[in-house]
């Protein structure tokens, strides 16, 4: 597994406006999000199995009982 972190855009709750640094960060997050959505959409168009629900028969589990769905499409 690869470590991941959740990055959220800045919010104006309790503020009148964002700082210039927060605006730049939010724009970078938005650009990555748009790119990721396009990649996911491209994958769904290329591999029709990703468009809907997966049949239970395709799911594989490791020795600990965790689902290995991320490796099922590889």
Protein backbone atom coordinates (compact mmCIF):
# COMPACT_ATOMS: atom_id res chain seq x y z
CA UNK A 1 0.00 0.00 0.00
CA UNK A 2 1.14 3.53 -0.72
CA UNK A 3 0.64 6.20 1.94
CA UNK A 4 -1.91 8.85 1.03
CA UNK A 5 -3.04 12.10 2.55
CA UNK A 6 -6.31 13.95 2.23
CA UNK A 7 -5.91 17.50 0.95
CA UNK A 8 -8.90 19.81 1.27
CA UNK A 9 -9.32 23.24 -0.31
CA UNK A 10 -9.50 26.29 1.94
CA UNK A 11 -12.91 27.55 3.07
CA UNK A 12 -14.03 31.10 3.79
CA UNK A 13 -16.11 30.10 6.80
CA UNK A 14 -15.60 32.82 9.39
CA UNK A 15 -13.46 34.91 6.99
CA UNK A 16 -14.34 37.53 4.45
CA UNK A 17 -11.85 36.23 1.87
CA UNK A 18 -8.94 33.83 1.42
CA UNK A 19 -5.29 34.84 1.55
CA UNK A 20 -3.29 34.78 -1.69
CA UNK A 21 -1.49 31.61 -0.52
CA UNK A 22 -4.83 29.88 0.18
CA UNK A 23 -6.13 30.90 -3.25
CA UNK A 24 -3.05 29.42 -4.95
CA UNK A 25 -3.34 26.19 -2.95
CA UNK A 26 -7.04 25.89 -3.77
CA UNK A 27 -6.31 26.37 -7.49
CA UNK A 28 -3.62 23.66 -7.39
CA UNK A 29 -6.02 21.28 -5.63
CA UNK A 30 -8.71 22.03 -8.22
CA UNK A 31 -6.29 21.35 -11.09
CA UNK A 32 -5.30 17.98 -9.63
CA UNK A 33 -8.94 17.10 -8.98
CA UNK A 34 -9.93 17.90 -12.58
CA UNK A 35 -7.03 15.81 -13.92
CA UNK A 36 -7.96 12.89 -11.66
CA UNK A 37 -11.62 13.03 -12.70
CA UNK A 38 -10.56 12.94 -16.37
CA UNK A 39 -8.28 9.95 -15.77
CA UNK A 40 -11.07 8.08 -13.96
CA UNK A 41 -13.52 8.92 -16.76
CA UNK A 42 -11.01 7.74 -19.37
CA UNK A 43 -10.57 4.46 -17.50
CA UNK A 44 -14.32 3.98 -17.28
CA UNK A 45 -14.70 4.56 -21.02
CA UNK A 46 -11.85 2.18 -21.84
CA UNK A 47 -12.84 -0.59 -19.42
CA UNK A 48 -16.62 -0.97 -19.27
CA UNK A 49 -16.40 -3.15 -16.13
CA UNK A 50 -15.48 0.00 -14.18
CA UNK A 51 -18.78 1.72 -15.05
CA UNK A 52 -21.04 -0.32 -12.83
CA UNK A 53 -21.14 -2.70 -9.91
CA UNK A 54 -18.68 -5.57 -9.74
CA UNK A 55 -19.92 -9.15 -9.56
CA UNK A 56 -19.02 -10.67 -6.20
CA UNK A 57 -17.28 -13.54 -8.01
CA UNK A 58 -14.53 -11.15 -9.18
CA UNK A 59 -13.58 -9.97 -5.71
CA UNK A 60 -10.50 -11.55 -4.17
CA UNK A 61 -9.49 -11.53 -0.53
CA UNK A 62 -6.07 -11.90 1.06
CA UNK A 63 -5.23 -14.08 4.09
CA UNK A 64 -6.42 -11.37 6.52
CA UNK A 65 -9.84 -11.17 4.87
CA UNK A 66 -9.21 -7.76 3.26
CA UNK A 67 -10.59 -7.21 -0.21
CA UNK A 68 -7.95 -6.81 -2.92
CA UNK A 69 -10.16 -4.83 -5.32
CA UNK A 70 -7.31 -2.51 -6.29
CA UNK A 71 -5.43 -5.47 -7.80
CA UNK A 72 -8.46 -7.06 -9.49
CA UNK A 73 -8.29 -4.75 -12.52
CA UNK A 74 -4.54 -5.19 -13.06
